[in-house]
PDB file of all heavy atoms in Angstrom:
ATOM      1  N   VAL A   1     -20.692  41.478  13.273  1.00  0.00           N
ATOM      2  CA  VAL A   1     -20.495  42.704  12.467  1.00  0.00           C
ATOM      3  C   VAL A   1     -19.456  42.599  11.340  1.00  0.00           C
ATOM      4  O   VAL A   1     -19.707  42.975  10.174  1.00  0.00           O
ATOM      5  CB  VAL A   1     -20.167  43.892  13.421  1.00  0.00           C
ATOM      6  CG1 VAL A   1     -19.858  45.193  12.539  1.00  0.00           C
ATOM      7  CG2 VAL A   1     -21.238  44.157  14.399  1.00  0.00           C
ATOM      8  N   ASN A   2     -18.326  41.950  11.664  1.00  0.00           N
ATOM      9  CA  ASN A   2     -17.220  41.978  10.690  1.00  0.00           C
ATOM     10  C   ASN A   2     -17.339  40.843   9.661  1.00  0.00           C
ATOM     11  O   ASN A   2     -16.793  40.945   8.558  1.00  0.00           O
ATOM     12  CB  ASN A   2     -15.860  41.882  11.433  1.00  0.00           C
ATOM     13  CG  ASN A   2     -15.619  43.087  12.247  1.00  0.00           C
ATOM     14  OD1 ASN A   2     -16.177  44.153  12.027  1.00  0.00           O
ATOM     15  ND2 ASN A   2     -14.724  42.970  13.191  1.00  0.00           N
ATOM     16  N   ALA A   3     -18.034  39.801  10.050  1.00  0.00           N
ATOM     17  CA  ALA A   3     -18.111  38.629   9.160  1.00  0.00           C
ATOM     18  C   ALA A   3     -19.538  38.448   8.643  1.00  0.00           C
ATOM     19  O   ALA A   3     -19.804  38.502   7.425  1.00  0.00           O
ATOM     20  CB  ALA A   3     -17.605  37.328   9.821  1.00  0.00           C
ATOM     21  N   THR A   4     -20.477  38.283   9.529  1.00  0.00           N
ATOM     22  CA  THR A   4     -21.886  37.872   9.131  1.00  0.00           C
ATOM     23  C   THR A   4     -22.460  39.025   8.258  1.00  0.00           C
ATOM     24  O   THR A   4     -23.026  38.799   7.245  1.00  0.00           O
ATOM     25  CB  THR A   4     -22.805  37.641  10.348  1.00  0.00           C
ATOM     26  OG1 THR A   4     -22.309  36.559  11.102  1.00  0.00           O
ATOM     27  CG2 THR A   4     -24.218  37.297   9.862  1.00  0.00           C
ATOM     28  N   TYR A   5     -22.292  40.313   8.737  1.00  0.00           N
ATOM     29  CA  TYR A   5     -22.834  41.445   7.958  1.00  0.00           C
ATOM     30  C   TYR A   5     -22.145  41.577   6.579  1.00  0.00           C
ATOM     31  O   TYR A   5     -22.818  41.849   5.625  1.00  0.00           O
ATOM     32  CB  TYR A   5     -22.676  42.679   8.764  1.00  0.00           C
ATOM     33  CG  TYR A   5     -23.616  42.846   9.889  1.00  0.00           C
ATOM     34  CD1 TYR A   5     -23.550  44.013  10.743  1.00  0.00           C
ATOM     35  CD2 TYR A   5     -24.538  41.860  10.252  1.00  0.00           C
ATOM     36  CE1 TYR A   5     -24.352  44.167  11.818  1.00  0.00           C
ATOM     37  CE2 TYR A   5     -25.381  42.038  11.371  1.00  0.00           C
ATOM     38  CZ  TYR A   5     -25.316  43.151  12.077  1.00  0.00           C
ATOM     39  OH  TYR A   5     -26.156  43.255  13.202  1.00  0.00           O
ATOM     40  N   THR A   6     -20.853  41.320   6.598  1.00  0.00           N
ATOM     41  CA  THR A   6     -20.104  41.323   5.275  1.00  0.00           C
ATOM     42  C   THR A   6     -20.643  40.330   4.338  1.00  0.00           C
ATOM     43  O   THR A   6     -20.905  40.647   3.167  1.00  0.00           O
ATOM     44  CB  THR A   6     -18.648  41.093   5.578  1.00  0.00           C
ATOM     45  OG1 THR A   6     -18.073  42.129   6.341  1.00  0.00           O
ATOM     46  CG2 THR A   6     -17.864  41.094   4.244  1.00  0.00           C
ATOM     47  N   LEU A   7     -20.836  39.133   4.808  1.00  0.00           N
ATOM     48  CA  LEU A   7     -21.359  38.045   3.921  1.00  0.00           C
ATOM     49  C   LEU A   7     -22.822  38.241   3.494  1.00  0.00           C
ATOM     50  O   LEU A   7     -23.175  37.919   2.383  1.00  0.00           O
ATOM     51  CB  LEU A   7     -21.179  36.656   4.616  1.00  0.00           C
ATOM     52  CG  LEU A   7     -19.761  36.302   4.996  1.00  0.00           C
ATOM     53  CD1 LEU A   7     -19.703  34.977   5.733  1.00  0.00           C
ATOM     54  CD2 LEU A   7     -18.856  36.270   3.792  1.00  0.00           C
ATOM     55  N   THR A   8     -23.619  38.818   4.410  1.00  0.00           N
ATOM     56  CA  THR A   8     -25.004  39.128   3.968  1.00  0.00           C
ATOM     57  C   THR A   8     -24.982  40.215   2.875  1.00  0.00           C
ATOM     58  O   THR A   8     -25.784  40.095   1.928  1.00  0.00           O
ATOM     59  CB  THR A   8     -25.772  39.716   5.192  1.00  0.00           C
ATOM     60  OG1 THR A   8     -25.752  38.777   6.256  1.00  0.00           O
ATOM     61  CG2 THR A   8     -27.261  39.928   4.829  1.00  0.00           C
ATOM     62  N   LEU A   9     -24.210  41.229   2.958  1.00  0.00           N
ATOM     63  CA  LEU A   9     -24.062  42.172   1.921  1.00  0.00           C
ATOM     64  C   LEU A   9     -23.556  41.543   0.632  1.00  0.00           C
ATOM     65  O   LEU A   9     -24.083  41.827  -0.453  1.00  0.00           O
ATOM     66  CB  LEU A   9     -23.118  43.292   2.371  1.00  0.00           C
ATOM     67  CG  LEU A   9     -22.854  44.424   1.331  1.00  0.00           C
ATOM     68  CD1 LEU A   9     -24.155  45.174   1.048  1.00  0.00           C
ATOM     69  CD2 LEU A   9     -21.803  45.429   1.945  1.00  0.00           C
ATOM     70  N   ALA A  10     -22.577  40.718   0.759  1.00  0.00           N
ATOM     71  CA  ALA A  10     -22.005  40.057  -0.459  1.00  0.00           C
ATOM     72  C   ALA A  10     -23.039  39.138  -1.125  1.00  0.00           C
ATOM     73  O   ALA A  10     -23.135  39.113  -2.401  1.00  0.00           O
ATOM     74  CB  ALA A  10     -20.820  39.230  -0.114  1.00  0.00           C
ATOM     75  N   ARG A  11     -23.884  38.466  -0.329  1.00  0.00           N
ATOM     76  CA  ARG A  11     -24.930  37.588  -0.993  1.00  0.00           C
ATOM     77  C   ARG A  11     -26.022  38.464  -1.688  1.00  0.00           C
ATOM     78  O   ARG A  11     -26.572  38.046  -2.684  1.00  0.00           O
ATOM     79  CB  ARG A  11     -25.527  36.676   0.117  1.00  0.00           C
ATOM     80  CG  ARG A  11     -24.588  35.581   0.433  1.00  0.00           C
ATOM     81  CD  ARG A  11     -25.361  34.495   1.361  1.00  0.00           C
ATOM     82  NE  ARG A  11     -25.729  35.020   2.573  1.00  0.00           N
ATOM     83  CZ  ARG A  11     -25.045  34.926   3.722  1.00  0.00           C
ATOM     84  NH1 ARG A  11     -23.852  34.289   3.661  1.00  0.00           N
ATOM     85  NH2 ARG A  11     -25.410  35.428   4.830  1.00  0.00           N
ATOM     86  N   ALA A  12     -26.308  39.594  -1.040  1.00  0.00           N
ATOM     87  CA  ALA A  12     -27.233  40.545  -1.659  1.00  0.00           C
ATOM     88  C   ALA A  12     -26.715  41.015  -3.048  1.00  0.00           C
ATOM     89  O   ALA A  12     -27.464  41.085  -4.030  1.00  0.00           O
ATOM     90  CB  ALA A  12     -27.567  41.713  -0.784  1.00  0.00           C
ATOM     91  N   ALA A  13     -25.421  41.290  -3.086  1.00  0.00           N
ATOM     92  CA  ALA A  13     -24.824  41.780  -4.336  1.00  0.00           C
ATOM     93  C   ALA A  13     -24.802  40.565  -5.314  1.00  0.00           C
ATOM     94  O   ALA A  13     -25.051  40.804  -6.586  1.00  0.00           O
ATOM     95  CB  ALA A  13     -23.369  42.191  -4.082  1.00  0.00           C
ATOM     96  N   GLU A  14     -24.529  39.382  -4.829  1.00  0.00           N
ATOM     97  CA  GLU A  14     -24.573  38.196  -5.689  1.00  0.00           C
ATOM     98  C   GLU A  14     -25.925  38.048  -6.430  1.00  0.00           C
ATOM     99  O   GLU A  14     -25.942  37.627  -7.542  1.00  0.00           O
ATOM    100  CB  GLU A  14     -24.202  36.956  -4.900  1.00  0.00           C
ATOM    101  CG  GLU A  14     -24.066  35.657  -5.681  1.00  0.00           C
ATOM    102  CD  GLU A  14     -23.767  34.561  -4.782  1.00  0.00           C
ATOM    103  OE1 GLU A  14     -24.249  34.472  -3.712  1.00  0.00           O
ATOM    104  OE2 GLU A  14     -22.968  33.650  -5.221  1.00  0.00           O
ATOM    105  N   LYS A  15     -27.030  38.354  -5.697  1.00  0.00           N
ATOM    106  CA  LYS A  15     -28.275  38.253  -6.373  1.00  0.00           C
ATOM    107  C   LYS A  15     -28.539  39.107  -7.512  1.00  0.00           C
ATOM    108  O   LYS A  15     -29.423  38.838  -8.354  1.00  0.00           O
ATOM    109  CB  LYS A  15     -29.404  38.524  -5.296  1.00  0.00           C
ATOM    110  CG  LYS A  15     -29.604  37.429  -4.191  1.00  0.00           C
ATOM    111  CD  LYS A  15     -30.688  37.791  -3.258  1.00  0.00           C
ATOM    112  CE  LYS A  15     -30.979  36.599  -2.303  1.00  0.00           C
ATOM    113  NZ  LYS A  15     -32.150  36.982  -1.345  1.00  0.00           N
ATOM    114  N   ARG A  16     -27.720  40.151  -7.624  1.00  0.00           N
ATOM    115  CA  ARG A  16     -27.868  41.091  -8.780  1.00  0.00           C
ATOM    116  C   ARG A  16     -27.284  40.475 -10.068  1.00  0.00           C
ATOM    117  O   ARG A  16     -27.426  41.064 -11.126  1.00  0.00           O
ATOM    118  CB  ARG A  16     -27.259  42.423  -8.474  1.00  0.00           C
ATOM    119  CG  ARG A  16     -27.859  43.191  -7.325  1.00  0.00           C
ATOM    120  CD  ARG A  16     -27.676  44.652  -7.446  1.00  0.00           C
ATOM    121  NE  ARG A  16     -28.288  45.169  -8.597  1.00  0.00           N
ATOM    122  CZ  ARG A  16     -27.687  46.097  -9.406  1.00  0.00           C
ATOM    123  NH1 ARG A  16     -26.461  46.552  -9.129  1.00  0.00           N
ATOM    124  NH2 ARG A  16     -28.327  46.525 -10.537  1.00  0.00           N
ATOM    125  N   GLY A  17     -26.616  39.325  -9.958  1.00  0.00           N
ATOM    126  CA  GLY A  17     -26.055  38.712 -11.117  1.00  0.00           C
ATOM    127  C   GLY A  17     -25.054  39.592 -11.847  1.00  0.00           C
ATOM    128  O   GLY A  17     -24.284  40.182 -11.244  1.00  0.00           O
ATOM    129  N   ALA A  18     -25.158  39.532 -13.180  1.00  0.00           N
ATOM    130  CA  ALA A  18     -24.162  40.250 -13.999  1.00  0.00           C
ATOM    131  C   ALA A  18     -24.291  41.740 -13.837  1.00  0.00           C
ATOM    132  O   ALA A  18     -23.375  42.500 -14.297  1.00  0.00           O
ATOM    133  CB  ALA A  18     -24.349  39.876 -15.483  1.00  0.00           C
ATOM    134  N   ASN A  19     -25.343  42.265 -13.315  1.00  0.00           N
ATOM    135  CA  ASN A  19     -25.475  43.759 -13.076  1.00  0.00           C
ATOM    136  C   ASN A  19     -24.463  44.236 -12.027  1.00  0.00           C
ATOM    137  O   ASN A  19     -24.149  45.407 -11.962  1.00  0.00           O
ATOM    138  CB  ASN A  19     -26.922  44.079 -12.612  1.00  0.00           C
ATOM    139  CG  ASN A  19     -27.936  43.880 -13.716  1.00  0.00           C
ATOM    140  OD1 ASN A  19     -27.656  44.223 -14.840  1.00  0.00           O
ATOM    141  ND2 ASN A  19     -29.068  43.317 -13.366  1.00  0.00           N
ATOM    142  N   PHE A  20     -24.026  43.367 -11.128  1.00  0.00           N
ATOM    143  CA  PHE A  20     -23.016  43.750 -10.135  1.00  0.00           C
ATOM    144  C   PHE A  20     -21.637  43.397 -10.636  1.00  0.00           C
ATOM    145  O   PHE A  20     -21.355  42.322 -11.125  1.00  0.00           O
ATOM    146  CB  PHE A  20     -23.276  42.997  -8.818  1.00  0.00           C
ATOM    147  CG  PHE A  20     -22.418  43.537  -7.674  1.00  0.00           C
ATOM    148  CD1 PHE A  20     -22.649  44.752  -7.068  1.00  0.00           C
ATOM    149  CD2 PHE A  20     -21.250  42.784  -7.324  1.00  0.00           C
ATOM    150  CE1 PHE A  20     -21.798  45.265  -6.081  1.00  0.00           C
ATOM    151  CE2 PHE A  20     -20.429  43.274  -6.352  1.00  0.00           C
ATOM    152  CZ  PHE A  20     -20.702  44.504  -5.712  1.00  0.00           C
ATOM    153  N   LYS A  21     -20.743  44.403 -10.507  1.00  0.00           N
ATOM    154  CA  LYS A  21     -19.381  44.265 -11.092  1.00  0.00           C
ATOM    155  C   LYS A  21     -18.250  43.828 -10.135  1.00  0.00           C
ATOM    156  O   LYS A  21     -17.454  43.010 -10.473  1.00  0.00           O
ATOM    157  CB  LYS A  21     -18.989  45.659 -11.730  1.00  0.00           C
ATOM    158  CG  LYS A  21     -20.020  46.201 -12.644  1.00  0.00           C
ATOM    159  CD  LYS A  21     -20.315  45.211 -13.775  1.00  0.00           C
ATOM    160  CE  LYS A  21     -21.354  45.834 -14.754  1.00  0.00           C
ATOM    161  NZ  LYS A  21     -21.702  44.851 -15.859  1.00  0.00           N
ATOM    162  N   LYS A  22     -18.166  44.409  -8.918  1.00  0.00           N
ATOM    163  CA  LYS A  22     -17.008  44.125  -8.066  1.00  0.00           C
ATOM    164  C   LYS A  22     -17.322  44.528  -6.622  1.00  0.00           C
ATOM    165  O   LYS A  22     -17.904  45.545  -6.365  1.00  0.00           O
ATOM    166  CB  LYS A  22     -15.715  44.834  -8.549  1.00  0.00           C
ATOM    167  CG  LYS A  22     -14.548  44.774  -7.688  1.00  0.00           C
ATOM    168  CD  LYS A  22     -13.926  43.360  -7.711  1.00  0.00           C
ATOM    169  CE  LYS A  22     -13.011  43.183  -8.915  1.00  0.00           C
ATOM    170  NZ  LYS A  22     -11.754  43.866  -8.866  1.00  0.00           N
ATOM    171  N   LEU A  23     -16.895  43.706  -5.683  1.00  0.00           N
ATOM    172  CA  LEU A  23     -16.838  44.008  -4.231  1.00  0.00           C
ATOM    173  C   LEU A  23     -15.409  44.041  -3.794  1.00  0.00           C
ATOM    174  O   LEU A  23     -14.618  43.162  -3.994  1.00  0.00           O
ATOM    175  CB  LEU A  23     -17.559  42.951  -3.431  1.00  0.00           C
ATOM    176  CG  LEU A  23     -17.375  42.932  -1.967  1.00  0.00           C
ATOM    177  CD1 LEU A  23     -18.037  44.177  -1.319  1.00  0.00           C
ATOM    178  CD2 LEU A  23     -18.009  41.721  -1.221  1.00  0.00           C
ATOM    179  N   VAL A  24     -15.000  45.166  -3.173  1.00  0.00           N
ATOM    180  CA  VAL A  24     -13.686  45.289  -2.541  1.00  0.00           C
ATOM    181  C   VAL A  24     -13.962  45.267  -1.050  1.00  0.00           C
ATOM    182  O   VAL A  24     -14.599  46.155  -0.517  1.00  0.00           O
ATOM    183  CB  VAL A  24     -12.981  46.587  -2.943  1.00  0.00           C
ATOM    184  CG1 VAL A  24     -11.648  46.783  -2.113  1.00  0.00           C
ATOM    185  CG2 VAL A  24     -12.641  46.552  -4.435  1.00  0.00           C
ATOM    186  N   PHE A  25     -13.402  44.319  -0.345  1.00  0.00           N
ATOM    187  CA  PHE A  25     -13.588  44.139   1.108  1.00  0.00           C
ATOM    188  C   PHE A  25     -12.280  44.592   1.764  1.00  0.00           C
ATOM    189  O   PHE A  25     -11.226  44.100   1.419  1.00  0.00           O
ATOM    190  CB  PHE A  25     -13.852  42.665   1.423  1.00  0.00           C
ATOM    191  CG  PHE A  25     -13.884  42.389   2.910  1.00  0.00           C
ATOM    192  CD1 PHE A  25     -14.703  43.076   3.757  1.00  0.00           C
ATOM    193  CD2 PHE A  25     -13.091  41.387   3.443  1.00  0.00           C
ATOM    194  CE1 PHE A  25     -14.708  42.831   5.114  1.00  0.00           C
ATOM    195  CE2 PHE A  25     -13.088  41.086   4.776  1.00  0.00           C
ATOM    196  CZ  PHE A  25     -13.879  41.860   5.635  1.00  0.00           C
ATOM    197  N   ILE A  26     -12.457  45.549   2.669  1.00  0.00           N
ATOM    198  CA  ILE A  26     -11.334  45.990   3.488  1.00  0.00           C
ATOM    199  C   ILE A  26     -11.210  45.103   4.644  1.00  0.00           C
ATOM    200  O   ILE A  26     -11.946  45.193   5.657  1.00  0.00           O
ATOM    201  CB  ILE A  26     -11.466  47.451   3.916  1.00  0.00           C
ATOM    202  CG1 ILE A  26     -11.772  48.360   2.697  1.00  0.00           C
ATOM    203  CG2 ILE A  26     -10.240  47.934   4.672  1.00  0.00           C
ATOM    204  CD1 ILE A  26     -10.714  48.473   1.751  1.00  0.00           C
ATOM    205  N   SER A  27     -10.331  44.133   4.589  1.00  0.00           N
ATOM    206  CA  SER A  27     -10.030  43.210   5.674  1.00  0.00           C
ATOM    207  C   SER A  27      -8.965  43.855   6.545  1.00  0.00           C
ATOM    208  O   SER A  27      -8.953  45.088   6.807  1.00  0.00           O
ATOM    209  CB  SER A  27      -9.589  41.835   5.203  1.00  0.00           C
ATOM    210  OG  SER A  27      -9.396  40.908   6.131  1.00  0.00           O
ATOM    211  N   SER A  28      -8.023  43.153   7.017  1.00  0.00           N
ATOM    212  CA  SER A  28      -6.905  43.588   7.847  1.00  0.00           C
ATOM    213  C   SER A  28      -5.792  42.626   7.919  1.00  0.00           C
ATOM    214  O   SER A  28      -5.988  41.359   7.727  1.00  0.00           O
ATOM    215  CB  SER A  28      -7.437  43.817   9.277  1.00  0.00           C
ATOM    216  OG  SER A  28      -6.427  44.074  10.208  1.00  0.00           O
ATOM    217  N   LEU A  29      -4.558  43.174   8.146  1.00  0.00           N
ATOM    218  CA  LEU A  29      -3.404  42.280   8.284  1.00  0.00           C
ATOM    219  C   LEU A  29      -3.590  41.473   9.500  1.00  0.00           C
ATOM    220  O   LEU A  29      -2.968  40.344   9.639  1.00  0.00           O
ATOM    221  CB  LEU A  29      -2.149  43.141   8.353  1.00  0.00           C
ATOM    222  CG  LEU A  29      -0.824  42.394   8.209  1.00  0.00           C
ATOM    223  CD1 LEU A  29      -0.730  41.671   6.898  1.00  0.00           C
ATOM    224  CD2 LEU A  29       0.317  43.301   8.402  1.00  0.00           C
ATOM    225  N   ALA A  30      -4.441  41.903  10.425  1.00  0.00           N
ATOM    226  CA  ALA A  30      -4.737  41.104  11.631  1.00  0.00           C
ATOM    227  C   ALA A  30      -5.392  39.744  11.279  1.00  0.00           C
ATOM    228  O   ALA A  30      -5.305  38.804  12.145  1.00  0.00           O
ATOM    229  CB  ALA A  30      -5.655  41.835  12.535  1.00  0.00           C
ATOM    230  N   ALA A  31      -5.940  39.609  10.070  1.00  0.00           N
ATOM    231  CA  ALA A  31      -6.497  38.365   9.699  1.00  0.00           C
ATOM    232  C   ALA A  31      -5.405  37.289   9.473  1.00  0.00           C
ATOM    233  O   ALA A  31      -5.710  36.062   9.671  1.00  0.00           O
ATOM    234  CB  ALA A  31      -7.329  38.482   8.428  1.00  0.00           C
TER     235      ALA A  31
END
């Protein structure tokens, strides 16, 4: 949930190329 799903979403955004502007990922100090 916290890693694989995040990366799947990010790769989907990456496919949009220049049409996609920014991803802000809420991680945690626990990292």
